[in-house]
């Protein structure tokens, strides 16, 4: 599904819904609301890109040092046996392997500021191997969909928000988030592997997935038993890893006798260029999302879902949390806003309040990630990337609801 088709569909749906609200409900402010949202989203898009400049310059500067020092290739060799089977079109020990490892690692630790630059660098590395520069390759789709599935060990920002809203159990959503986001990642991997005819039952893949599952389960068990250590563990471990990475890159550069400072500057310049390049793509996607949100589509969807389950005599306590689930694939900040609004309306320790937090912590922003990553390398035809990522989002939502009833209801 190309981005231009998604863009057109969003605008057409918004316009039709706006006309219905004007004609049948006399909502004379609907067009103004949509247009105001368009201008706000355009400004936000530029602010996001500008905000990325410093972070991109920092991380891509150190990435360049790491590449010249050989650290990225070293990571590629470690993860190579696993990634070579998930990304068969990527040559062994290619630098993109190391870039993807660092992206997934940062995402796993909940370090959004680090994950984005690493991810953009990985996408650029994969673009070097792409024979059709305006069409997403299989490797780029696999990478983007796995990243959008958002596997995160500890949802630090969500726990922090629950603390701000004076929750009596701010870390209570930890295990449900972990289960739901893991389910999303497994579905993402499976869907893309089936589409690309990758055999997931290879011993190396099963061993790695089994090992990661065991590690996550052990960490969940340990932190669940000592929940008061979750916040300090996250702060020390996740941020310590990033600082250690910088130091290792610098020491590696010194050992290889490269000019570390010049290498950093050269990489930082690339970060500035990438941040500027993505502005048009962000404006296009966030504006389309804005018109869909401003016209009231989400309210109609939530009401419709609630009505269907009511007719089926199914418990509908999960419905008030659905706006977060629907917004999350479109906008991370929008999903966060819905989550906070739900906790404020029902209480952070209520069932809708907790479930909205799990929804927010299950996956990343599919449409934002697609616009950002593919836009950074000028790809316009993203093929089946969006449908595959949305299937993972759907799996995350269903799992979150089931786990929510199991843990919170």
Foldseek 3Di string as FASTA:
>chain_A
DFPVVVLVVLVVVLVVLLVCCCPVVVPPCLVVLLVVLLVVLLVVLLVVLVVLLVLLLQQLLLVLLLVVLCNLLVQQQVCVVQVCLLCVLDDRSQSLSSLLVQLVLLLQLVNVSRNQSSLLVSLVSVCVSDPDLQEDDLVRLLSLLLQQLRQYQANQVQLVLQVVLPHPCSCLLRVLLNVLSVLLNVLLSVVSCVVVVRDCPDPVNVVVVVVVVVVSVVVCVVCVVVVVCRNVCSVCVSVVVVVVSSVVSVVSSVVVPHPSVVSSNVSSVVSNVLSVQLSVLSSSQSSSVSSSVSSCVLVVVLVVVQVVCVVVVHDDPQSLLCVLLVCFLRDLVSSVVSLSVSCVVQNCLALSNSLSSSSSSRGHHNSNSCSSNSSSSNHRHHDCSSVSSVVSSVSSNVSSVVVSVVSRD
